Amino acid sequence: MRFLLWLILLVLCWPLALAALFFFPFVWLVLLPFRLIGITVNAVFALLKAILMLPARILAGPRGF
């Protein structure tokens, strides 16, 4: 899908399409730390949820599936 959108952009405005193709790796490298921070924050919240829900899971007892 992205490739088709890029081809449409290439037909409509080829300098902008080539600039986007050239700058994409740099933008990806700049945004990479924010992705890593997001993954880390998500993992910390999942750990906190697991710790806070542990007593309820223990008191609930084994499930008979």
N, C-alpha and C. Protein backbone atom coordinates (compact mmCIF):
# COMPACT_ATOMS: atom_id res chain seq x y z
N MET A 1 0.83 -1.20 0.00
CA MET A 1 0.00 0.00 0.00
C MET A 1 0.88 1.26 0.00
N ARG A 2 1.90 1.24 0.85
CA ARG A 2 2.79 2.41 0.89
C ARG A 2 3.50 2.60 -0.45
N PHE A 3 3.87 1.48 -1.06
CA PHE A 3 4.56 1.58 -2.34
C PHE A 3 3.65 2.19 -3.41
N LEU A 4 2.38 1.80 -3.41
CA LEU A 4 1.45 2.37 -4.38
C LEU A 4 1.25 3.87 -4.14
N LEU A 5 1.17 4.26 -2.87
CA LEU A 5 1.05 5.69 -2.56
C LEU A 5 2.30 6.45 -3.01
N TRP A 6 3.46 5.81 -2.85
CA TRP A 6 4.69 6.46 -3.28
C TRP A 6 4.73 6.58 -4.81
N LEU A 7 4.22 5.57 -5.51
CA LEU A 7 4.18 5.64 -6.97
C LEU A 7 3.25 6.76 -7.44
N ILE A 8 2.13 6.93 -6.76
CA ILE A 8 1.22 8.03 -7.10
C ILE A 8 1.91 9.37 -6.87
N LEU A 9 2.61 9.47 -5.74
CA LEU A 9 3.36 10.70 -5.46
C LEU A 9 4.45 10.91 -6.50
N LEU A 10 5.07 9.83 -6.95
CA LEU A 10 6.11 9.93 -7.97
C LEU A 10 5.54 10.48 -9.28
N VAL A 11 4.35 10.06 -9.62
CA VAL A 11 3.73 10.55 -10.86
C VAL A 11 3.31 12.01 -10.71
N LEU A 12 2.76 12.35 -9.56
CA LEU A 12 2.24 13.72 -9.37
C LEU A 12 3.34 14.74 -9.12
N CYS A 13 4.31 14.37 -8.28
CA CYS A 13 5.36 15.33 -7.94
C CYS A 13 6.66 14.55 -7.68
N TRP A 14 7.41 14.30 -8.75
CA TRP A 14 8.57 13.43 -8.62
C TRP A 14 9.68 13.98 -7.72
N PRO A 15 9.92 15.31 -7.65
CA PRO A 15 10.98 15.76 -6.72
C PRO A 15 10.63 15.47 -5.26
N LEU A 16 9.36 15.65 -4.89
CA LEU A 16 8.94 15.37 -3.52
C LEU A 16 9.05 13.88 -3.21
N ALA A 17 8.71 13.03 -4.19
CA ALA A 17 8.81 11.58 -3.99
C ALA A 17 10.27 11.15 -3.81
N LEU A 18 11.16 11.72 -4.59
CA LEU A 18 12.58 11.38 -4.45
C LEU A 18 13.15 11.91 -3.13
N ALA A 19 12.70 13.09 -2.71
CA ALA A 19 13.14 13.62 -1.42
C ALA A 19 12.64 12.74 -0.28
N ALA A 20 11.40 12.27 -0.38
CA ALA A 20 10.86 11.38 0.64
C ALA A 20 11.65 10.08 0.68
N LEU A 21 12.00 9.57 -0.47
CA LEU A 21 12.78 8.33 -0.54
C LEU A 21 14.17 8.53 0.06
N PHE A 22 14.75 9.71 -0.13
CA PHE A 22 16.08 9.99 0.40
C PHE A 22 16.07 10.22 1.91
N PHE A 23 15.06 10.95 2.42
CA PHE A 23 15.03 11.32 3.84
C PHE A 23 14.39 10.28 4.75
N PHE A 24 13.74 9.26 4.19
CA PHE A 24 13.07 8.26 5.02
C PHE A 24 14.00 7.57 6.01
N PRO A 25 15.20 7.11 5.61
CA PRO A 25 16.08 6.47 6.60
C PRO A 25 16.49 7.40 7.74
N PHE A 26 16.70 8.67 7.44
CA PHE A 26 17.09 9.62 8.48
C PHE A 26 15.95 9.86 9.47
N VAL A 27 14.75 9.98 8.95
CA VAL A 27 13.58 10.17 9.82
C VAL A 27 13.39 8.93 10.69
N TRP A 28 13.58 7.74 10.12
CA TRP A 28 13.44 6.50 10.87
C TRP A 28 14.47 6.45 12.00
N LEU A 29 15.70 6.87 11.73
CA LEU A 29 16.73 6.86 12.77
C LEU A 29 16.43 7.87 13.87
N VAL A 30 15.86 9.02 13.51
CA VAL A 30 15.52 10.02 14.53
C VAL A 30 14.38 9.53 15.41
N LEU A 31 13.41 8.81 14.84
CA LEU A 31 12.26 8.35 15.60
C LEU A 31 12.52 7.06 16.37
N LEU A 32 13.60 6.37 16.10
CA LEU A 32 13.91 5.11 16.76
C LEU A 32 14.00 5.23 18.29
N PRO A 33 14.65 6.22 18.86
CA PRO A 33 14.67 6.32 20.34
C PRO A 33 13.28 6.46 20.95
N PHE A 34 12.38 7.16 20.27
CA PHE A 34 11.03 7.31 20.80
C PHE A 34 10.28 5.98 20.79
N ARG A 35 10.54 5.15 19.78
CA ARG A 35 9.94 3.81 19.75
C ARG A 35 10.46 2.98 20.91
N LEU A 36 11.76 3.05 21.16
CA LEU A 36 12.34 2.28 22.26
C LEU A 36 11.81 2.74 23.61
N ILE A 37 11.63 4.05 23.77
CA ILE A 37 11.04 4.56 25.01
C ILE A 37 9.61 4.07 25.16
N GLY A 38 8.85 4.04 24.08
CA GLY A 38 7.48 3.55 24.14
C GLY A 38 7.40 2.09 24.51
N ILE A 39 8.29 1.28 23.96
CA ILE A 39 8.33 -0.15 24.30
C ILE A 39 8.68 -0.33 25.77
N THR A 40 9.64 0.45 26.26
CA THR A 40 10.05 0.35 27.66
C THR A 40 8.93 0.76 28.60
N VAL A 41 8.26 1.86 28.31
CA VAL A 41 7.16 2.32 29.16
C VAL A 41 6.03 1.30 29.17
N ASN A 42 5.72 0.71 28.03
CA ASN A 42 4.69 -0.31 27.95
C ASN A 42 5.07 -1.52 28.80
N ALA A 43 6.32 -1.93 28.76
CA ALA A 43 6.77 -3.06 29.55
C ALA A 43 6.70 -2.77 31.04
N VAL A 44 7.04 -1.55 31.45
CA VAL A 44 6.97 -1.18 32.87
C VAL A 44 5.53 -1.20 33.34
N PHE A 45 4.60 -0.69 32.55
CA PHE A 45 3.18 -0.71 32.94
C PHE A 45 2.66 -2.14 33.00
N ALA A 46 3.09 -3.01 32.11
CA ALA A 46 2.66 -4.41 32.15
C ALA A 46 3.20 -5.09 33.41
N LEU A 47 4.44 -4.77 33.79
CA LEU A 47 5.01 -5.34 35.01
C LEU A 47 4.26 -4.85 36.24
N LEU A 48 3.95 -3.55 36.30
CA LEU A 48 3.20 -3.02 37.44
C LEU A 48 1.81 -3.65 37.53
N LYS A 49 1.15 -3.84 36.40
CA LYS A 49 -0.16 -4.48 36.40
C LYS A 49 -0.06 -5.91 36.91
N ALA A 50 0.97 -6.64 36.47
CA ALA A 50 1.15 -8.02 36.92
C ALA A 50 1.41 -8.08 38.42
N ILE A 51 2.20 -7.14 38.94
CA ILE A 51 2.50 -7.12 40.37
C ILE A 51 1.25 -6.78 41.17
N LEU A 52 0.48 -5.80 40.70
CA LEU A 52 -0.72 -5.38 41.44
C LEU A 52 -1.83 -6.43 41.37
N MET A 53 -1.91 -7.18 40.30
CA MET A 53 -2.95 -8.19 40.16
C MET A 53 -2.57 -9.55 40.75
N LEU A 54 -1.33 -9.71 41.18
CA LEU A 54 -0.89 -11.00 41.71
C LEU A 54 -1.68 -11.47 42.92
N PRO A 55 -1.95 -10.61 43.93
CA PRO A 55 -2.75 -11.09 45.07
C PRO A 55 -4.15 -11.56 44.67
N ALA A 56 -4.78 -10.88 43.74
CA ALA A 56 -6.10 -11.30 43.31
C ALA A 56 -6.04 -12.64 42.58
N ARG A 57 -5.02 -12.86 41.80
CA ARG A 57 -4.87 -14.13 41.11
C ARG A 57 -4.60 -15.27 42.08
N ILE A 58 -3.83 -14.98 43.14
CA ILE A 58 -3.55 -16.01 44.12
C ILE A 58 -4.81 -16.35 44.91
N LEU A 59 -5.57 -15.33 45.31
CA LEU A 59 -6.80 -15.56 46.08
C LEU A 59 -7.90 -16.21 45.24
N ALA A 60 -7.86 -16.04 43.95
CA ALA A 60 -8.89 -16.62 43.10
C ALA A 60 -8.76 -18.14 43.05
N GLY A 61 -7.59 -18.66 43.29
CA GLY A 61 -7.40 -20.11 43.30
C GLY A 61 -7.25 -20.67 41.90
N PRO A 62 -7.06 -21.97 41.83
CA PRO A 62 -6.89 -22.60 40.51
C PRO A 62 -8.20 -22.62 39.74
N ARG A 63 -8.07 -22.50 38.46
CA ARG A 63 -9.26 -22.53 37.61
C ARG A 63 -9.45 -23.95 37.09
N GLY A 64 -10.66 -24.41 37.07
CA GLY A 64 -10.94 -25.78 36.64
C GLY A 64 -11.32 -25.86 35.18
N PHE A 65 -10.34 -25.67 34.30
CA PHE A 65 -10.63 -25.76 32.87
C PHE A 65 -10.49 -27.19 32.41
